[in-house]
C-alpha atoms as a PDB file:
ATOM      1  CA  MET A   1     114.054 113.639  82.579  1.00  0.00           C
ATOM      2  CA  LYS A   2     111.226 112.060  84.716  1.00  0.00           C
ATOM      3  CA  PRO A   3     109.810 114.428  87.363  1.00  0.00           C
ATOM      4  CA  TYR A   4     109.423 111.761  89.950  1.00  0.00           C
ATOM      5  CA  LEU A   5     111.524 109.440  91.971  1.00  0.00           C
ATOM      6  CA  LYS A   6     112.815 106.375  90.195  1.00  0.00           C
ATOM      7  CA  ILE A   7     114.240 106.534  91.948  1.00  0.00           C
ATOM      8  CA  ALA A   8     131.036  87.715  96.851  1.00  0.00           C
ATOM      9  CA  LEU A   9     131.020  85.023  98.588  1.00  0.00           C
ATOM     10  CA  PRO A  10     134.094  83.051  97.699  1.00  0.00           C
ATOM     11  CA  LEU A  11     133.472  79.691  96.009  1.00  0.00           C
ATOM     12  CA  LEU A  12     134.056  76.556  98.086  1.00  0.00           C
ATOM     13  CA  ALA A  13     136.902  74.416  96.705  1.00  0.00           C
ATOM     14  CA  PHE A  14     136.259  70.817  95.913  1.00  0.00           C
ATOM     15  CA  VAL A  15     138.393  68.204  97.419  1.00  0.00           C
ATOM     16  CA  ILE A  16     140.848  66.508  95.087  1.00  0.00           C
ATOM     17  CA  LEU A  17     139.092  63.133  95.020  1.00  0.00           C
ATOM     18  CA  LEU A  18     135.706  64.577  94.289  1.00  0.00           C
ATOM     19  CA  ASN A  19     137.243  66.749  91.594  1.00  0.00           C
ATOM     20  CA  ALA A  20     138.884  63.806  89.907  1.00  0.00           C
ATOM     21  CA  SER A  21     135.756  61.675  90.058  1.00  0.00           C
ATOM     22  CA  CYS A  22     133.766  64.385  88.262  1.00  0.00           C
ATOM     23  CA  LYS A  23     136.233  64.889  85.400  1.00  0.00           C
ATOM     24  CA  LYS A  24     134.379  62.545  83.030  1.00  0.00           C
ATOM     25  CA  ASN A  25     131.167  64.646  83.477  1.00  0.00           C
ATOM     26  CA  ASP A  26     132.739  68.026  82.984  1.00  0.00           C
ATOM     27  CA  VAL A  27     130.942  68.752  79.664  1.00  0.00           C
ATOM     28  CA  ALA A  28     127.475  68.018  81.138  1.00  0.00           C
ATOM     29  CA  VAL A  29     128.107  69.736  84.498  1.00  0.00           C
ATOM     30  CA  ASN A  30     129.573  72.965  82.989  1.00  0.00           C
ATOM     31  CA  LYS A  31     127.202  73.367  80.084  1.00  0.00           C
ATOM     32  CA  LYS A  32     125.549  76.749  80.304  1.00  0.00           C
ATOM     33  CA  PRO A  33     122.119  77.427  79.192  1.00  0.00           C
ATOM     34  CA  ALA A  34     121.720  79.204  75.840  1.00  0.00           C
ATOM     35  CA  ILE A  35     122.297  82.970  76.165  1.00  0.00           C
ATOM     36  CA  ASP A  36     119.154  84.953  76.089  1.00  0.00           C
ATOM     37  CA  THR A  37     120.380  88.353  75.046  1.00  0.00           C
ATOM     38  CA  ALA A  38     116.886  89.885  75.285  1.00  0.00           C
ATOM     39  CA  LEU A  39     116.361  88.640  78.758  1.00  0.00           C
ATOM     40  CA  MET A  40     119.770  89.963  79.795  1.00  0.00           C
ATOM     41  CA  ALA A  41     119.114  93.363  78.331  1.00  0.00           C
ATOM     42  CA  LYS A  42     115.607  93.640  80.007  1.00  0.00           C
ATOM     43  CA  SER A  43     116.795  92.505  83.394  1.00  0.00           C
ATOM     44  CA  CYS A  44     119.884  94.781  83.222  1.00  0.00           C
ATOM     45  CA  ASP A  45     117.732  97.806  82.709  1.00  0.00           C
ATOM     46  CA  PHE A  46     115.809  97.003  85.980  1.00  0.00           C
ATOM     47  CA  VAL A  47     118.962  96.193  87.863  1.00  0.00           C
ATOM     48  CA  LEU A  48     120.660  99.461  86.951  1.00  0.00           C
ATOM     49  CA  ASN A  49     117.504 101.498  87.603  1.00  0.00           C
ATOM     50  CA  PHE A  50     117.177  99.806  90.917  1.00  0.00           C
ATOM     51  CA  ASN A  51     120.607 100.857  91.912  1.00  0.00           C
ATOM     52  CA  LYS A  52     120.030 104.373  90.953  1.00  0.00           C
ATOM     53  CA  SER A  53     116.933 104.497  93.016  1.00  0.00           C
ATOM     54  CA  PHE A  54     118.696 103.005  95.973  1.00  0.00           C
ATOM     55  CA  GLN A  55     121.377 105.627  95.808  1.00  0.00           C
ATOM     56  CA  LYS A  56     118.660 108.282  96.051  1.00  0.00           C
ATOM     57  CA  SER A  57     116.786 106.724  98.903  1.00  0.00           C
ATOM     58  CA  LEU A  58     119.882 106.410 101.079  1.00  0.00           C
ATOM     59  CA  SER A  59     122.044 109.295  99.867  1.00  0.00           C
ATOM     60  CA  ASN A  60     123.639 111.549 102.408  1.00  0.00           C
ATOM     61  CA  THR A  61     124.094 115.328 102.145  1.00  0.00           C
ATOM     62  CA  PRO A  62     127.400 116.840 103.188  1.00  0.00           C
ATOM     63  CA  GLU A  63     125.702 117.714 106.556  1.00  0.00           C
ATOM     64  CA  ASN A  64     125.204 113.861 107.236  1.00  0.00           C
ATOM     65  CA  ALA A  65     121.449 114.065 106.506  1.00  0.00           C
ATOM     66  CA  SER A  66     119.344 111.744 104.482  1.00  0.00           C
ATOM     67  CA  LYS A  67     116.849 113.038 101.830  1.00  0.00           C
ATOM     68  CA  THR A  68     113.304 111.798 101.992  1.00  0.00           C
ATOM     69  CA  SER A  69     111.251 110.765  98.956  1.00  0.00           C
ATOM     70  CA  ASN A  70     110.354 114.277  97.769  1.00  0.00           C
ATOM     71  CA  GLY A  71     113.962 115.264  97.426  1.00  0.00           C
ATOM     72  CA  VAL A  72     113.500 118.428  99.640  1.00  0.00           C
ATOM     73  CA  ASN A  73     112.964 117.212 103.300  1.00  0.00           C
ATOM     74  CA  THR A  74     116.049 115.923 105.075  1.00  0.00           C
ATOM     75  CA  VAL A  75     116.638 114.384 108.432  1.00  0.00           C
ATOM     76  CA  ARG A  76     119.916 113.893 110.155  1.00  0.00           C
ATOM     77  CA  VAL A  77     121.101 110.348 110.523  1.00  0.00           C
ATOM     78  CA  PHE A  78     122.996 108.989 113.541  1.00  0.00           C
ATOM     79  CA  ASP A  79     122.143 112.191 115.340  1.00  0.00           C
ATOM     80  CA  ALA A  80     122.782 112.195 119.130  1.00  0.00           C
ATOM     81  CA  GLN A  81     120.285 115.025 119.564  1.00  0.00           C
ATOM     82  CA  ASN A  82     117.473 112.635 118.951  1.00  0.00           C
ATOM     83  CA  PRO A  83     116.776 109.943 121.661  1.00  0.00           C
ATOM     84  CA  CYS A  84     116.449 106.322 120.783  1.00  0.00           C
ATOM     85  CA  GLY A  85     112.971 105.372 119.430  1.00  0.00           C
ATOM     86  CA  SER A  86     112.121 108.997 118.511  1.00  0.00           C
ATOM     87  CA  SER A  87     110.731 109.585 115.054  1.00  0.00           C
ATOM     88  CA  VAL A  88     110.592 112.304 112.452  1.00  0.00           C
ATOM     89  CA  VAL A  89     107.475 112.275 110.343  1.00  0.00           C
ATOM     90  CA  LYS A  90     107.237 114.221 107.124  1.00  0.00           C
ATOM     91  CA  LYS A  91     104.334 114.397 104.701  1.00  0.00           C
ATOM     92  CA  THR A  92     104.482 115.222 101.042  1.00  0.00           C
ATOM     93  CA  ASN A  93     101.499 116.820  99.364  1.00  0.00           C
ATOM     94  CA  TYR A  94     102.126 119.325  96.525  1.00  0.00           C
ATOM     95  CA  THR A  95     101.747 119.871  92.752  1.00  0.00           C
ATOM     96  CA  ASN A  96     104.278 120.901  90.198  1.00  0.00           C
ATOM     97  CA  VAL A  97     104.108 122.008  86.575  1.00  0.00           C
ATOM     98  CA  ILE A  98     106.722 120.648  84.213  1.00  0.00           C
ATOM     99  CA  GLY A  99     106.616 121.228  80.513  1.00  0.00           C
ATOM    100  CA  GLY A 100     103.041 122.394  80.866  1.00  0.00           C
ATOM    101  CA  ASP A 101     101.956 119.184  82.513  1.00  0.00           C
ATOM    102  CA  ILE A 102     100.716 119.072  86.120  1.00  0.00           C
ATOM    103  CA  TYR A 103     102.049 116.486  88.507  1.00  0.00           C
ATOM    104  CA  SER A 104     100.780 115.715  91.935  1.00  0.00           C
ATOM    105  CA  TYR A 105     103.005 114.349  94.643  1.00  0.00           C
ATOM    106  CA  VAL A 106     101.648 112.582  97.721  1.00  0.00           C
ATOM    107  CA  GLY A 107     103.775 110.724 100.236  1.00  0.00           C
ATOM    108  CA  ASN A 108     104.700 110.040 103.845  1.00  0.00           C
ATOM    109  CA  SER A 109     108.093 109.486 105.506  1.00  0.00           C
ATOM    110  CA  VAL A 110     108.684 108.054 108.864  1.00  0.00           C
ATOM    111  CA  PHE A 111     112.442 108.164 110.170  1.00  0.00           C
ATOM    112  CA  THR A 112     113.029 106.433 113.443  1.00  0.00           C
ATOM    113  CA  TYR A 113     116.269 106.745 115.402  1.00  0.00           C
ATOM    114  CA  LEU A 114     117.481 103.328 116.785  1.00  0.00           C
ATOM    115  CA  CYS A 115     120.256 102.296 119.126  1.00  0.00           C
ATOM    116  CA  ASN A 116     120.868  98.631 118.168  1.00  0.00           C
ATOM    117  CA  GLY A 117     123.789  99.049 115.720  1.00  0.00           C
ATOM    118  CA  ALA A 118     127.503  98.829 116.414  1.00  0.00           C
ATOM    119  CA  PHE A 119     127.260 100.143 119.978  1.00  0.00           C
ATOM    120  CA  ASN A 120     123.921  98.393 120.757  1.00  0.00           C
ATOM    121  CA  ASN A 121     123.881  99.991 124.170  1.00  0.00           C
ATOM    122  CA  GLY A 122     120.455 101.621 124.342  1.00  0.00           C
ATOM    123  CA  TYR A 123     121.652 105.231 124.187  1.00  0.00           C
ATOM    124  CA  ASN A 124     124.121 105.699 121.282  1.00  0.00           C
ATOM    125  CA  VAL A 125     122.126 106.526 118.141  1.00  0.00           C
ATOM    126  CA  ASP A 126     123.837 104.036 115.735  1.00  0.00           C
ATOM    127  CA  ALA A 127     120.947 102.840 113.574  1.00  0.00           C
ATOM    128  CA  TYR A 128     117.729 104.037 111.949  1.00  0.00           C
ATOM    129  CA  ALA A 129     114.531 102.774 110.233  1.00  0.00           C
ATOM    130  CA  LEU A 130     113.075 104.577 107.164  1.00  0.00           C
ATOM    131  CA  LYS A 131     109.612 104.022 105.826  1.00  0.00           C
ATOM    132  CA  ASP A 132     109.053 106.148 102.895  1.00  0.00           C
ATOM    133  CA  THR A 133     106.258 106.207 100.305  1.00  0.00           C
ATOM    134  CA  LEU A 134     105.620 108.581  97.361  1.00  0.00           C
ATOM    135  CA  SER A 135     102.853 108.397  94.748  1.00  0.00           C
ATOM    136  CA  VAL A 136     103.067 110.667  91.648  1.00  0.00           C
ATOM    137  CA  TYR A 137     100.030 111.315  89.359  1.00  0.00           C
ATOM    138  CA  GLY A 138     100.061 113.459  86.282  1.00  0.00           C
ATOM    139  CA  GLY A 139     101.245 114.093  82.767  1.00  0.00           C
ATOM    140  CA  GLY A 140      99.579 115.484  79.641  1.00  0.00           C
ATOM    141  CA  PRO A 141      95.668 115.158  79.176  1.00  0.00           C
ATOM    142  CA  GLU A 142      96.229 112.501  76.532  1.00  0.00           C
ATOM    143  CA  SER A 143      98.675 110.303  78.714  1.00  0.00           C
ATOM    144  CA  PRO A 144      98.025 110.478  82.454  1.00  0.00           C
ATOM    145  CA  ASN A 145     100.556 108.450  84.278  1.00  0.00           C
ATOM    146  CA  SER A 146     100.945 107.129  87.842  1.00  0.00           C
ATOM    147  CA  GLU A 147     104.017 105.948  89.843  1.00  0.00           C
ATOM    148  CA  TYR A 148     104.403 104.561  93.379  1.00  0.00           C
ATOM    149  CA  THR A 149     107.497 103.950  95.278  1.00  0.00           C
ATOM    150  CA  ALA A 150     108.009 102.564  98.778  1.00  0.00           C
ATOM    151  CA  PHE A 151     111.102 102.072 100.910  1.00  0.00           C
ATOM    152  CA  ASN A 152     111.256 100.123 104.178  1.00  0.00           C
ATOM    153  CA  TYR A 153     114.788 100.045 105.424  1.00  0.00           C
ATOM    154  CA  VAL A 154     116.682  99.336 108.589  1.00  0.00           C
ATOM    155  CA  VAL A 155     120.207 100.819 108.465  1.00  0.00           C
ATOM    156  CA  LYS A 156     122.698 100.025 111.223  1.00  0.00           C
ATOM    157  CA  ALA A 157     126.236 101.316 111.733  1.00  0.00           C
ATOM    158  CA  ALA A 158     128.551  98.239 111.465  1.00  0.00           C
ATOM    159  CA  ASP A 159     131.416  99.929 113.313  1.00  0.00           C
ATOM    160  CA  THR A 160     131.761 102.524 116.109  1.00  0.00           C
ATOM    161  CA  LEU A 161     133.173 105.140 113.566  1.00  0.00           C
ATOM    162  CA  TYR A 162     130.001 104.984 111.463  1.00  0.00           C
ATOM    163  CA  GLN A 163     132.104 104.279 108.348  1.00  0.00           C
ATOM    164  CA  THR A 164     130.234 101.076 107.290  1.00  0.00           C
ATOM    165  CA  ILE A 165     126.628  99.997 107.532  1.00  0.00           C
ATOM    166  CA  THR A 166     124.347  97.084 107.147  1.00  0.00           C
ATOM    167  CA  ILE A 167     121.084  97.360 105.305  1.00  0.00           C
ATOM    168  CA  SER A 168     117.968  95.188 105.466  1.00  0.00           C
ATOM    169  CA  GLY A 169     114.415  95.636 104.252  1.00  0.00           C
ATOM    170  CA  SER A 170     112.387  95.969 101.082  1.00  0.00           C
ATOM    171  CA  GLN A 171     111.612  98.348  98.149  1.00  0.00           C
ATOM    172  CA  ALA A 172     108.719  98.425  95.796  1.00  0.00           C
ATOM    173  CA  HIS A 173     108.191 100.269  92.580  1.00  0.00           C
ATOM    174  CA  LYS A 174     104.998 100.439  90.438  1.00  0.00           C
ATOM    175  CA  THR A 175     104.276 102.377  87.225  1.00  0.00           C
ATOM    176  CA  THR A 176     101.351 102.755  84.858  1.00  0.00           C
ATOM    177  CA  ARG A 177     101.311 104.698  81.693  1.00  0.00           C
ATOM    178  CA  ILE A 178      98.046 105.277  79.878  1.00  0.00           C
ATOM    179  CA  GLN A 179      97.259 106.554  76.454  1.00  0.00           C
ATOM    180  CA  ILE A 180      93.756 107.865  76.233  1.00  0.00           C
ATOM    181  CA  GLY A 181      91.777 105.850  73.657  1.00  0.00           C
ATOM    182  CA  PHE A 182      94.215 102.938  73.903  1.00  0.00           C
ATOM    183  CA  GLY A 183      94.236 102.024  77.516  1.00  0.00           C
ATOM    184  CA  ILE A 184      97.367 100.983  79.453  1.00  0.00           C
ATOM    185  CA  ASN A 185     100.574 101.564  77.347  1.00  0.00           C
ATOM    186  CA  GLU A 186     103.169 100.349  79.969  1.00  0.00           C
ATOM    187  CA  LYS A 187     103.025  98.773  83.342  1.00  0.00           C
ATOM    188  CA  THR A 188     105.577  97.566  85.807  1.00  0.00           C
ATOM    189  CA  ASP A 189     105.487  96.026  89.287  1.00  0.00           C
ATOM    190  CA  GLU A 190     108.787  95.610  91.065  1.00  0.00           C
ATOM    191  CA  ALA A 191     109.594  94.138  94.518  1.00  0.00           C
ATOM    192  CA  TYR A 192     113.101  93.865  96.124  1.00  0.00           C
ATOM    193  CA  GLU A 193     114.332  92.208  99.361  1.00  0.00           C
ATOM    194  CA  TRP A 194     117.662  92.996 100.933  1.00  0.00           C
ATOM    195  CA  GLN A 195     119.698  90.137 102.503  1.00  0.00           C
ATOM    196  CA  ASN A 196     122.902  90.683 104.352  1.00  0.00           C
ATOM    197  CA  VAL A 197     123.852  93.838 102.509  1.00  0.00           C
ATOM    198  CA  PHE A 198     127.037  95.577 103.752  1.00  0.00           C
ATOM    199  CA  ALA A 199     127.992  98.989 102.519  1.00  0.00           C
ATOM    200  CA  LYS A 200     130.544 101.782 103.052  1.00  0.00           C
ATOM    201  CA  ARG A 201     129.282 105.261 103.877  1.00  0.00           C
ATOM    202  CA  THR A 202     130.497 108.257 101.837  1.00  0.00           C
ATOM    203  CA  ASP A 203     129.694 111.840 101.946  1.00  0.00           C
ATOM    204  CA  LYS A 204     127.072 111.348  99.267  1.00  0.00           C
ATOM    205  CA  ASN A 205     126.061 107.710  98.395  1.00  0.00           C
ATOM    206  CA  PRO A 206     126.721 104.409 100.264  1.00  0.00           C
ATOM    207  CA  ILE A 207     128.632 101.990  98.153  1.00  0.00           C
ATOM    208  CA  ILE A 208     127.574  98.336  98.515  1.00  0.00           C
ATOM    209  CA  VAL A 209     130.399  96.089  99.171  1.00  0.00           C
ATOM    210  CA  SER A 210     128.623  92.642  99.473  1.00  0.00           C
ATOM    211  CA  GLY A 211     125.243  91.089  99.971  1.00  0.00           C
ATOM    212  CA  THR A 212     122.335  89.768  97.982  1.00  0.00           C
ATOM    213  CA  ILE A 213     119.091  91.421  96.881  1.00  0.00           C
ATOM    214  CA  THR A 214     116.280  89.317  95.490  1.00  0.00           C
ATOM    215  CA  PHE A 215     113.798  90.663  92.961  1.00  0.00           C
ATOM    216  CA  ASN A 216     110.436  89.793  91.606  1.00  0.00           C
ATOM    217  CA  ILE A 217     109.340  91.870  88.658  1.00  0.00           C
ATOM    218  CA  SER A 218     106.302  91.908  86.308  1.00  0.00           C
ATOM    219  CA  TYR A 219     106.340  94.096  83.259  1.00  0.00           C
ATOM    220  CA  ALA A 220     104.124  94.776  80.218  1.00  0.00           C
ATOM    221  CA  ASN A 221     104.602  97.152  77.260  1.00  0.00           C
ATOM    222  CA  TYR A 222     101.763  97.423  74.699  1.00  0.00           C
ATOM    223  CA  PHE A 223     103.062 100.616  73.116  1.00  0.00           C
ATOM    224  CA  MET A 224     102.822 100.426  69.222  1.00  0.00           C
ATOM    225  CA  GLY A 225     101.748  96.785  69.479  1.00  0.00           C
ATOM    226  CA  LYS A 226     104.892  95.625  71.157  1.00  0.00           C
ATOM    227  CA  GLY A 227     103.115  93.113  73.386  1.00  0.00           C
ATOM    228  CA  ASP A 228     106.316  92.833  75.616  1.00  0.00           C
ATOM    229  CA  VAL A 229     105.034  91.003  78.671  1.00  0.00           C
ATOM    230  CA  GLY A 230     106.949  88.929  81.242  1.00  0.00           C
ATOM    231  CA  ASP A 231     108.252  88.296  84.621  1.00  0.00           C
ATOM    232  CA  LEU A 232     111.706  88.398  86.095  1.00  0.00           C
ATOM    233  CA  ILE A 233     112.621  86.510  89.285  1.00  0.00           C
ATOM    234  CA  GLY A 234     116.151  86.380  90.577  1.00  0.00           C
ATOM    235  CA  THR A 235     118.926  87.728  92.618  1.00  0.00           C
ATOM    236  CA  MET A 236     121.617  90.389  92.523  1.00  0.00           C
ATOM    237  CA  GLU A 237     124.874  89.422  94.268  1.00  0.00           C
ATOM    238  CA  TYR A 238     127.282  92.337  94.881  1.00  0.00           C
ATOM    239  CA  LEU A 239     130.981  91.429  94.114  1.00  0.00           C
ATOM    240  CA  PRO A 240     134.250  93.379  94.129  1.00  0.00           C
ATOM    241  CA  ASN A 241     135.240  95.657  91.228  1.00  0.00           C
ATOM    242  CA  ASP A 242     131.843  97.090  90.836  1.00  0.00           C
ATOM    243  CA  LEU A 243     130.428  93.730  89.627  1.00  0.00           C
ATOM    244  CA  ILE A 244     126.863  92.453  90.201  1.00  0.00           C
ATOM    245  CA  ARG A 245     126.218  88.742  89.614  1.00  0.00           C
ATOM    246  CA  VAL A 246     122.619  88.469  88.279  1.00  0.00           C
ATOM    247  CA  SER A 247     120.894  85.131  88.453  1.00  0.00           C
ATOM    248  CA  ILE A 248     117.456  84.673  86.652  1.00  0.00           C
ATOM    249  CA  TYR A 249     115.262  81.871  87.762  1.00  0.00           C
ATOM    250  CA  LYS A 250     112.626  79.913  85.763  1.00  0.00           C
ATOM    251  CA  SER A 251     110.472  77.202  87.450  1.00  0.00           C
ATOM    252  CA  GLY A 252     112.502  77.598  90.680  1.00  0.00           C
ATOM    253  CA  THR A 253     115.936  76.860  89.084  1.00  0.00           C
ATOM    254  CA  VAL A 254     118.753  79.223  87.869  1.00  0.00           C
ATOM    255  CA  ASN A 255     118.227  79.698  84.065  1.00  0.00           C
ATOM    256  CA  GLN A 256     120.547  82.522  83.357  1.00  0.00           C
ATOM    257  CA  VAL A 257     123.641  83.954  84.984  1.00  0.00           C
ATOM    258  CA  TYR A 258     125.540  86.976  83.911  1.00  0.00           C
ATOM    259  CA  TYR A 259     127.541  90.034  85.346  1.00  0.00           C
ATOM    260  CA  ILE A 260     126.912  93.700  85.200  1.00  0.00           C
ATOM    261  CA  ASN A 261     129.423  96.510  85.880  1.00  0.00           C
ATOM    262  CA  ARG A 262     127.361  98.876  87.905  1.00  0.00           C
ATOM    263  CA  THR A 263     129.468 101.835  86.811  1.00  0.00           C
ATOM    264  CA  THR A 264     129.709 101.200  83.061  1.00  0.00           C
ATOM    265  CA  GLY A 265     126.569  99.033  82.578  1.00  0.00           C
ATOM    266  CA  LYS A 266     128.676  96.496  80.604  1.00  0.00           C
ATOM    267  CA  ILE A 267     127.259  92.972  80.539  1.00  0.00           C
ATOM    268  CA  THR A 268     129.527  89.848  80.669  1.00  0.00           C
ATOM    269  CA  GLN A 269     128.722  86.086  81.082  1.00  0.00           C
END
């Protein structure tokens, strides 16, 4: 277990005339690109890990509080005791020993209470902004590692009962694994942007109902001479029945489309 944070839109129907005129080209139009199973497996790992880290970053405790990056500090969300525009700043700076290895945690969290959500009246706290960073350094003497995670969210209540929310913002995640004498073993650089994401609130984790998240990922794995290096650019579109439609782009056009069940991890095309 890692000691640090890892943390549908309906299709438009064609008119009958247009549909009839395109019949002769059905084979060419509907032809899918060849399935790249390695690409699907690689991107699936990133998509599922992203969703896990999202759940951690916006999870609520039973007391309606949101955990910050170190997993210890909490702040109450939609709390009427805090005036609009007020902020809670929490810093992280400590070390921990796990399995004989020393890890250092350094971070900063700024939670700001906002009043521009469902009520949008300037005095009901119905939204919040979260800027949260965490850097982790450590590991064994032969394999020092580093990891950096940053969240920059704006969450707004979408109804006056605080049962649904909208989420906008960004998330970044970088890792570096080093093997002394061999240099960098593994490296990732991930960036995500939230677009029109709508979710239901629960006692623990929000459940995304709809919306799209774009991603831009660079990865490299040199362990045991793998030479697994590449980039992933695409979108995650959240659909009913726990499905995520993943589109991978190459040279600015869609190259691969498949679906992931976010509960089971099963891939379909």
